[in-house]
Amino acid sequence: MTLDDAYWQAQRLAQVGRYEEAERIARGGLAAAPQDGRLLTLLASVLRLRREYAPALAAVTAAIEAAPHSSDAHAERAECLLLLIRSREAVEAASEAVRLAPQDPAGHLVLARALASARDYEQARRVAARGLSMAPRSVEALLTVADVERDAGHREAATTAAQAALAIDPENAYGRWLIAMLDAERLNVRRSMRGLRDVARDNPARPDLISMTWPIRGVLSGLRRGLAVGALLVCACLVTGHWWAHAVTFARILSVVLAAVLTGFAARVLLPAGRLPWRCLPLLPPLMRRANIAGLAVVAVAVVFLLAHAVTGWWVGALAALLLAPVLWGLSWLELLAAGFDDPGYRQAFRDLAGEFRDWWRTTKKDLREAWSDTPKPH
């Protein structure tokens, strides 16, 4: 098999999701020509699709060393760096890909995603529009525009771009997922869950469990903000009651209103969502699952404390509800940490950060020892 044959066969296998076979053929070609930049870039792409991000970055780095003027290699490096949460380096790599091939829309699209990851949304929107102008019927370009617009907070523009992509490719799984998540952000709960269920049914090998539990996680996100602000207002009224007696009565009324609002918001989201989020909840990573269950329990206890204060005037109930707000925020950070550990890119980023810290600590100890040994001893 020639190198060209190996490349095209591996690429076709990767396109249909047969990544292990694609990797085997690519490595077989590289055994005969270990410095072939095109095969190294393809191998990096296959490893990235298999979620082996660190080996993918190593492969594409070797590809750039073998073919430094390959725009595809620099674009693939940007993709790998994005998944490893190294946004600034991804922008540099994607910019180099655009410089080497300014008429290739692929470089502009990955640069737009890198800029959005670095929170430079206006520039990202301009670059994405430039890439779309080069390939106006490209599903990838339209979905990139949708991603960038969503990150920038422009939901209508994101929906328009995603719908245009689905008009070209109605079965595109990512486009359907994106529409479902945009519906979730608008609290179109039933439609969002229906879309996510359909995507999971068509892709049973890789269901997005975290997305399908968004009603539970979204409720907790809204309730922790509402509880923090509302309980603080109730306690402020109680303090004001030392000078103005009517403030104490107002605090009790406010406790009832706050408990009703928290309960109503939870019902508004969880009831239309049906049983699907609860079925997916036990399948989440253990730490994430426990954080969500604990968050729901804390909210329930806080509502009980608010009602107890409203009925009895017991000020300790309002104070306890306020003290539970930081607990909810702590659980939210725990959930984010658990989600990060479940993602290969974040796990590798944590490892890199830990490695940098170890290197810094070794260097610091060495410098301190040298400084101590160089200090002149007193006579």
Protein backbone atom coordinates (compact mmCIF):
# COMPACT_ATOMS: atom_id res chain seq x y z
CA MET A 1 0.00 0.00 0.00
CA THR A 2 1.39 3.41 -0.99
CA LEU A 3 1.38 6.41 1.33
CA ASP A 4 -1.43 8.00 -0.68
CA ASP A 5 -3.49 4.82 -0.41
CA ALA A 6 -2.91 4.66 3.34
CA TYR A 7 -3.88 8.33 3.74
CA TRP A 8 -7.12 8.12 1.77
CA GLN A 9 -8.18 4.82 3.29
CA ALA A 10 -7.55 6.06 6.83
CA GLN A 11 -9.41 9.28 6.08
CA ARG A 12 -12.46 7.44 4.73
CA LEU A 13 -12.52 5.17 7.79
CA ALA A 14 -12.31 8.19 10.10
CA GLN A 15 -15.20 9.86 8.28
CA VAL A 16 -17.49 6.93 9.04
CA GLY A 17 -16.40 6.71 12.68
CA ARG A 18 -14.11 3.66 12.44
CA TYR A 19 -11.32 5.38 14.33
CA GLU A 20 -9.39 2.34 15.53
CA GLU A 21 -8.98 1.01 12.00
CA ALA A 22 -8.11 4.48 10.74
CA GLU A 23 -5.42 4.83 13.41
CA ARG A 24 -4.00 1.40 12.59
CA ILE A 25 -3.71 2.21 8.87
CA ALA A 26 -2.23 5.66 9.54
CA ARG A 27 0.37 4.20 11.87
CA GLY A 28 1.12 1.52 9.29
CA GLY A 29 1.84 4.22 6.72
CA LEU A 30 3.98 6.14 9.21
CA ALA A 31 6.04 3.01 9.88
CA ALA A 32 7.28 3.32 6.31
CA ALA A 33 7.53 7.15 6.31
CA PRO A 34 7.68 8.46 9.91
CA GLN A 35 8.17 12.08 8.74
CA ASP A 36 5.13 12.26 6.48
CA GLY A 37 3.41 15.44 7.62
CA ARG A 38 0.09 14.63 6.00
CA LEU A 39 -0.22 11.23 7.68
CA LEU A 40 0.88 12.67 11.03
CA THR A 41 -1.81 15.34 10.75
CA LEU A 42 -4.43 12.72 9.93
CA LEU A 43 -3.28 10.57 12.86
CA ALA A 44 -3.62 13.59 15.15
CA SER A 45 -7.15 14.16 13.87
CA VAL A 46 -8.11 10.54 14.49
CA LEU A 47 -6.65 10.61 18.01
CA ARG A 48 -8.51 13.84 18.73
CA LEU A 49 -11.79 12.28 17.59
CA ARG A 50 -11.02 9.37 19.94
CA ARG A 51 -10.62 11.96 22.74
CA GLU A 52 -6.92 11.18 23.20
CA TYR A 53 -5.96 14.83 23.20
CA ALA A 54 -2.40 14.74 24.54
CA PRO A 55 -1.22 12.08 22.03
CA ALA A 56 -3.05 14.00 19.30
CA LEU A 57 -1.15 17.17 20.20
CA ALA A 58 2.14 15.25 20.16
CA ALA A 59 1.34 13.84 16.72
CA VAL A 60 0.41 17.19 15.22
CA THR A 61 3.51 18.82 16.74
CA ALA A 62 5.57 16.20 14.92
CA ALA A 63 3.58 16.95 11.76
CA ILE A 64 4.46 20.65 11.99
CA GLU A 65 8.13 19.80 12.50
CA ALA A 66 7.98 17.62 9.39
CA ALA A 67 5.92 20.08 7.31
CA PRO A 68 6.10 23.56 8.90
CA HIS A 69 4.23 25.18 5.99
CA SER A 70 1.19 22.89 6.19
CA SER A 71 -1.87 24.95 7.06
CA ASP A 72 -3.81 21.76 7.84
CA ALA A 73 -1.27 20.80 10.49
CA HIS A 74 -1.47 24.22 12.18
CA ALA A 75 -5.28 24.11 12.05
CA GLU A 76 -5.29 20.64 13.61
CA ARG A 77 -2.93 21.84 16.32
CA ALA A 78 -5.37 24.66 17.08
CA GLU A 79 -8.20 22.13 17.39
CA CYS A 80 -6.17 20.05 19.86
CA LEU A 81 -5.17 23.09 21.90
CA LEU A 82 -8.80 24.20 22.12
CA LEU A 83 -9.78 20.87 23.63
CA LEU A 84 -6.88 21.13 26.08
CA ILE A 85 -8.17 24.54 27.29
CA ARG A 86 -5.19 26.43 25.89
CA SER A 87 -7.11 29.15 24.06
CA ARG A 88 -4.32 31.68 23.50
CA GLU A 89 -2.02 29.09 21.96
CA ALA A 90 -4.94 27.89 19.83
CA VAL A 91 -5.43 31.43 18.50
CA GLU A 92 -1.74 31.60 17.54
CA ALA A 93 -1.85 28.21 15.78
CA ALA A 94 -5.07 29.04 13.93
CA SER A 95 -3.71 32.44 12.91
CA GLU A 96 -0.70 30.70 11.40
CA ALA A 97 -3.02 28.34 9.49
CA VAL A 98 -4.90 31.36 8.07
CA ARG A 99 -1.63 33.05 7.14
CA LEU A 100 -0.43 29.99 5.25
CA ALA A 101 -3.75 29.41 3.45
CA PRO A 102 -5.80 32.64 3.49
CA GLN A 103 -8.36 31.29 1.01
CA ASP A 104 -9.07 28.09 2.94
CA PRO A 105 -12.27 28.50 5.01
CA ALA A 106 -11.22 25.74 7.46
CA GLY A 107 -8.48 27.91 8.95
CA HIS A 108 -10.88 30.83 9.44
CA LEU A 109 -13.43 28.59 11.15
CA VAL A 110 -11.00 27.15 13.68
CA LEU A 111 -9.63 30.64 14.30
CA ALA A 112 -13.18 31.86 15.01
CA ARG A 113 -13.69 29.08 17.54
CA ALA A 114 -10.34 29.83 19.17
CA LEU A 115 -11.15 33.54 19.45
CA ALA A 116 -14.54 32.72 20.96
CA SER A 117 -12.83 30.43 23.48
CA ALA A 118 -10.52 33.33 24.34
CA ARG A 119 -13.66 35.52 24.78
CA ASP A 120 -12.80 37.84 21.90
CA TYR A 121 -16.34 37.58 20.58
CA GLU A 122 -16.45 40.49 18.16
CA GLN A 123 -13.32 39.37 16.34
CA ALA A 124 -14.59 35.78 16.41
CA ARG A 125 -17.84 36.83 14.75
CA ARG A 126 -15.98 38.69 12.00
CA VAL A 127 -13.66 35.75 11.32
CA ALA A 128 -16.56 33.28 11.31
CA ALA A 129 -18.48 35.45 8.84
CA ARG A 130 -15.36 35.56 6.66
CA GLY A 131 -15.13 31.77 6.69
CA LEU A 132 -18.83 31.45 5.86
CA SER A 133 -18.47 33.85 2.95
CA MET A 134 -15.89 31.48 1.44
CA ALA A 135 -18.19 28.45 1.82
CA PRO A 136 -21.80 29.67 2.14
CA ARG A 137 -23.25 26.14 1.81
CA SER A 138 -20.87 24.56 4.31
CA VAL A 139 -22.61 22.94 7.28
CA GLU A 140 -19.41 23.25 9.32
CA ALA A 141 -19.19 26.96 8.58
CA LEU A 142 -22.83 27.56 9.51
CA LEU A 143 -22.49 25.63 12.76
CA THR A 144 -19.31 27.52 13.60
CA VAL A 145 -21.20 30.79 13.13
CA ALA A 146 -23.96 29.40 15.35
CA ASP A 147 -21.45 28.40 18.04
CA VAL A 148 -19.76 31.80 18.02
CA GLU A 149 -23.06 33.69 18.11
CA ARG A 150 -24.26 31.55 21.00
CA ASP A 151 -21.05 32.16 22.95
CA ALA A 152 -21.47 35.89 22.30
CA GLY A 153 -25.01 35.78 23.70
CA HIS A 154 -26.83 36.27 20.38
CA ARG A 155 -29.31 33.41 20.53
CA GLU A 156 -31.48 34.48 17.60
CA ALA A 157 -28.51 34.70 15.24
CA ALA A 158 -27.23 31.36 16.55
CA THR A 159 -30.61 29.73 15.94
CA THR A 160 -30.81 31.14 12.42
CA ALA A 161 -27.37 29.77 11.52
CA ALA A 162 -28.07 26.35 13.08
CA GLN A 163 -31.41 26.07 11.26
CA ALA A 164 -29.69 26.96 7.98
CA ALA A 165 -27.20 24.15 8.61
CA LEU A 166 -30.01 21.68 9.32
CA ALA A 167 -31.80 22.78 6.15
CA ILE A 168 -28.74 21.45 4.26
CA ASP A 169 -28.12 18.40 6.48
CA PRO A 170 -31.27 17.60 8.51
CA GLU A 171 -29.62 14.62 10.25
CA ASN A 172 -26.58 16.52 11.53
CA ALA A 173 -26.33 15.46 15.17
CA TYR A 174 -24.41 18.50 16.39
CA GLY A 175 -26.80 20.92 14.71
CA ARG A 176 -29.79 19.21 16.33
CA TRP A 177 -28.05 19.22 19.71
CA LEU A 178 -27.28 22.91 19.33
CA ILE A 179 -30.91 23.76 18.56
CA ALA A 180 -31.98 21.77 21.63
CA MET A 181 -29.55 23.65 23.88
CA LEU A 182 -30.68 26.99 22.47
CA ASP A 183 -34.23 25.96 23.31
CA ALA A 184 -33.01 25.12 26.82
CA GLU A 185 -31.55 28.59 27.24
CA ARG A 186 -34.97 30.04 26.33
CA LEU A 187 -36.64 27.61 28.79
CA ASN A 188 -38.53 25.85 25.98
CA VAL A 189 -38.22 22.76 28.13
CA ARG A 190 -40.40 20.22 26.31
CA ARG A 191 -38.96 21.00 22.89
CA SER A 192 -35.40 20.97 24.21
CA MET A 193 -35.78 17.59 25.93
CA ARG A 194 -37.50 16.14 22.86
CA GLY A 195 -34.57 17.26 20.68
CA LEU A 196 -31.96 15.86 23.08
CA ARG A 197 -33.85 12.56 23.32
CA ASP A 198 -33.93 12.25 19.53
CA VAL A 199 -30.19 12.96 19.24
CA ALA A 200 -29.42 10.37 21.93
CA ARG A 201 -31.64 7.81 20.22
CA ASP A 202 -29.80 8.28 16.92
CA ASN A 203 -26.37 8.14 18.64
CA PRO A 204 -26.77 5.49 21.37
CA ALA A 205 -23.03 4.83 21.62
CA ARG A 206 -22.26 8.32 22.94
CA PRO A 207 -25.29 9.82 24.73
CA ASP A 208 -24.74 13.29 26.17
CA LEU A 209 -25.91 12.61 29.71
CA ILE A 210 -24.78 15.96 31.08
CA SER A 211 -26.88 17.85 28.52
CA MET A 212 -29.92 15.67 29.20
CA THR A 213 -29.79 16.60 32.89
CA TRP A 214 -29.79 20.33 32.15
CA PRO A 215 -33.23 20.91 33.75
CA ILE A 216 -31.92 19.77 37.13
CA ARG A 217 -28.65 21.64 36.81
CA GLY A 218 -30.39 24.70 35.36
CA VAL A 219 -32.85 24.78 38.24
CA LEU A 220 -30.03 24.64 40.76
CA SER A 221 -28.21 27.44 38.94
CA GLY A 222 -31.26 29.71 39.07
CA LEU A 223 -32.22 28.77 42.64
CA ARG A 224 -28.81 29.45 44.16
CA ARG A 225 -28.90 33.00 42.77
CA GLY A 226 -32.49 33.55 43.87
CA LEU A 227 -31.88 32.13 47.34
CA ALA A 228 -28.77 34.25 47.90
CA VAL A 229 -30.44 37.53 46.91
CA GLY A 230 -33.84 36.79 48.47
CA ALA A 231 -32.57 35.49 51.82
CA LEU A 232 -30.23 38.46 52.07
CA LEU A 233 -33.18 40.83 51.60
CA VAL A 234 -35.19 38.99 54.26
CA CYS A 235 -32.34 39.26 56.76
CA ALA A 236 -31.85 42.92 55.87
CA CYS A 237 -35.52 43.55 56.68
CA LEU A 238 -35.12 41.76 60.00
CA VAL A 239 -32.17 43.98 60.88
CA THR A 240 -34.18 47.05 59.86
CA GLY A 241 -36.94 45.85 62.21
CA HIS A 242 -34.84 47.06 65.16
CA TRP A 243 -35.69 50.61 64.09
CA TRP A 244 -38.93 50.12 62.14
CA ALA A 245 -41.31 47.48 63.47
CA HIS A 246 -43.23 47.01 60.21
CA ALA A 247 -40.04 45.72 58.53
CA VAL A 248 -40.33 42.48 60.53
CA THR A 249 -43.78 41.81 59.09
CA PHE A 250 -42.51 42.67 55.63
CA ALA A 251 -39.66 40.16 56.12
CA ARG A 252 -42.17 37.38 56.86
CA ILE A 253 -44.17 38.26 53.75
CA LEU A 254 -40.98 38.31 51.72
CA SER A 255 -40.09 34.83 53.01
CA VAL A 256 -43.41 33.48 51.74
CA VAL A 257 -42.92 35.14 48.36
CA LEU A 258 -39.34 33.85 48.07
CA ALA A 259 -40.35 30.28 48.96
CA ALA A 260 -43.17 30.43 46.39
CA VAL A 261 -40.88 31.82 43.68
CA LEU A 262 -38.21 29.17 44.29
CA THR A 263 -40.78 26.37 44.27
CA GLY A 264 -42.57 27.78 41.23
CA PHE A 265 -39.38 28.13 39.20
CA ALA A 266 -38.39 24.55 39.98
CA ALA A 267 -41.82 23.30 38.94
CA ARG A 268 -41.76 25.47 35.80
CA VAL A 269 -38.63 23.66 34.57
CA LEU A 270 -38.76 20.17 36.08
CA LEU A 271 -42.40 19.27 35.38
CA PRO A 272 -42.26 19.80 31.57
CA ALA A 273 -38.90 18.00 31.45
CA GLY A 274 -40.54 14.74 32.44
CA ARG A 275 -38.64 11.71 33.70
CA LEU A 276 -35.69 11.80 31.30
CA PRO A 277 -33.40 14.04 33.44
CA TRP A 278 -34.07 11.88 36.50
CA ARG A 279 -33.27 8.71 34.56
CA CYS A 280 -29.97 10.23 33.39
CA LEU A 281 -29.02 11.63 36.81
CA PRO A 282 -27.78 8.26 38.25
CA LEU A 283 -25.56 7.84 35.16
CA LEU A 284 -23.60 11.06 35.74
CA PRO A 285 -20.05 10.93 37.14
CA PRO A 286 -20.35 10.09 40.86
CA LEU A 287 -19.10 13.41 42.24
CA MET A 288 -21.32 15.38 39.86
CA ARG A 289 -24.34 13.25 40.72
CA ARG A 290 -23.81 13.71 44.45
CA ALA A 291 -23.36 17.46 44.08
CA ASN A 292 -26.66 17.75 42.21
CA ILE A 293 -28.58 15.59 44.68
CA ALA A 294 -27.10 17.50 47.60
CA GLY A 295 -28.01 20.79 45.91
CA LEU A 296 -31.64 19.72 45.55
CA ALA A 297 -31.72 18.69 49.20
CA VAL A 298 -30.22 22.01 50.31
CA VAL A 299 -32.82 23.95 48.31
CA ALA A 300 -35.64 21.92 49.87
CA VAL A 301 -34.30 22.60 53.37
CA ALA A 302 -33.92 26.31 52.61
CA VAL A 303 -37.56 26.52 51.48
CA VAL A 304 -38.64 24.82 54.71
CA PHE A 305 -36.64 27.36 56.74
CA LEU A 306 -38.22 30.26 54.83
CA LEU A 307 -41.73 28.90 55.42
CA ALA A 308 -40.92 28.34 59.10
CA HIS A 309 -39.86 31.97 59.39
CA ALA A 310 -42.98 33.16 57.55
CA VAL A 311 -45.33 31.15 59.78
CA THR A 312 -43.67 31.57 63.19
CA GLY A 313 -41.60 34.73 62.77
CA TRP A 314 -38.60 32.70 63.95
CA TRP A 315 -35.65 34.78 62.75
CA VAL A 316 -33.28 31.80 62.93
CA GLY A 317 -35.14 30.28 59.96
CA ALA A 318 -34.32 33.26 57.74
CA LEU A 319 -30.70 33.27 58.87
CA ALA A 320 -30.38 29.52 58.23
CA ALA A 321 -31.76 29.97 54.70
CA LEU A 322 -29.19 32.68 54.06
CA LEU A 323 -26.37 30.48 55.38
CA LEU A 324 -27.42 27.70 53.00
CA ALA A 325 -26.78 29.94 49.98
CA PRO A 326 -22.95 29.62 50.21
CA VAL A 327 -23.41 25.85 50.56
CA LEU A 328 -25.27 25.84 47.23
CA TRP A 329 -22.50 27.86 45.57
CA GLY A 330 -19.91 25.44 46.96
CA LEU A 331 -21.83 22.50 45.52
CA SER A 332 -21.98 24.26 42.15
CA TRP A 333 -18.19 24.58 42.11
CA LEU A 334 -17.95 20.91 43.07
CA GLU A 335 -20.21 20.05 40.13
CA LEU A 336 -18.03 22.05 37.75
CA LEU A 337 -14.93 20.32 39.08
CA ALA A 338 -16.56 16.91 38.59
CA ALA A 339 -17.57 17.80 35.02
CA GLY A 340 -13.99 18.88 34.35
CA PHE A 341 -12.57 15.59 35.63
CA ASP A 342 -14.97 13.75 33.33
CA ASP A 343 -13.67 15.63 30.27
CA PRO A 344 -10.32 14.40 28.85
CA GLY A 345 -9.29 17.92 27.86
CA TYR A 346 -9.84 19.33 31.34
CA ARG A 347 -8.15 16.32 32.93
CA GLN A 348 -5.06 16.89 30.80
CA ALA A 349 -5.18 20.62 31.62
CA PHE A 350 -5.26 19.76 35.34
CA ARG A 351 -2.29 17.43 34.86
CA ASP A 352 -0.35 20.10 32.99
CA LEU A 353 -1.12 22.62 35.73
CA ALA A 354 -0.03 20.17 38.42
CA GLY A 355 3.17 19.48 36.45
CA GLU A 356 3.92 23.19 36.20
CA PHE A 357 3.34 23.59 39.94
CA ARG A 358 5.70 20.69 40.71
CA ASP A 359 8.36 22.17 38.45
CA TRP A 360 7.94 25.58 40.10
CA TRP A 361 8.21 24.04 43.57
CA ARG A 362 11.37 22.08 42.68
CA THR A 363 12.96 25.19 41.16
CA THR A 364 11.98 27.30 44.16
CA LYS A 365 13.43 24.80 46.64
CA LYS A 366 16.64 24.58 44.62
CA ASP A 367 16.97 28.38 44.52
CA LEU A 368 16.32 28.64 48.25
CA ARG A 369 18.96 26.00 49.00
CA GLU A 370 21.48 27.75 46.79
CA ALA A 371 20.69 31.13 48.35
CA TRP A 372 21.06 29.63 51.83
CA SER A 373 24.37 27.94 50.98
CA ASP A 374 25.70 31.20 49.50
CA THR A 375 24.84 33.21 52.62
CA PRO A 376 28.11 34.09 54.45
CA LYS A 377 28.31 32.56 57.90
CA PRO A 378 28.90 34.90 60.88
CA HIS A 379 32.34 34.86 62.48
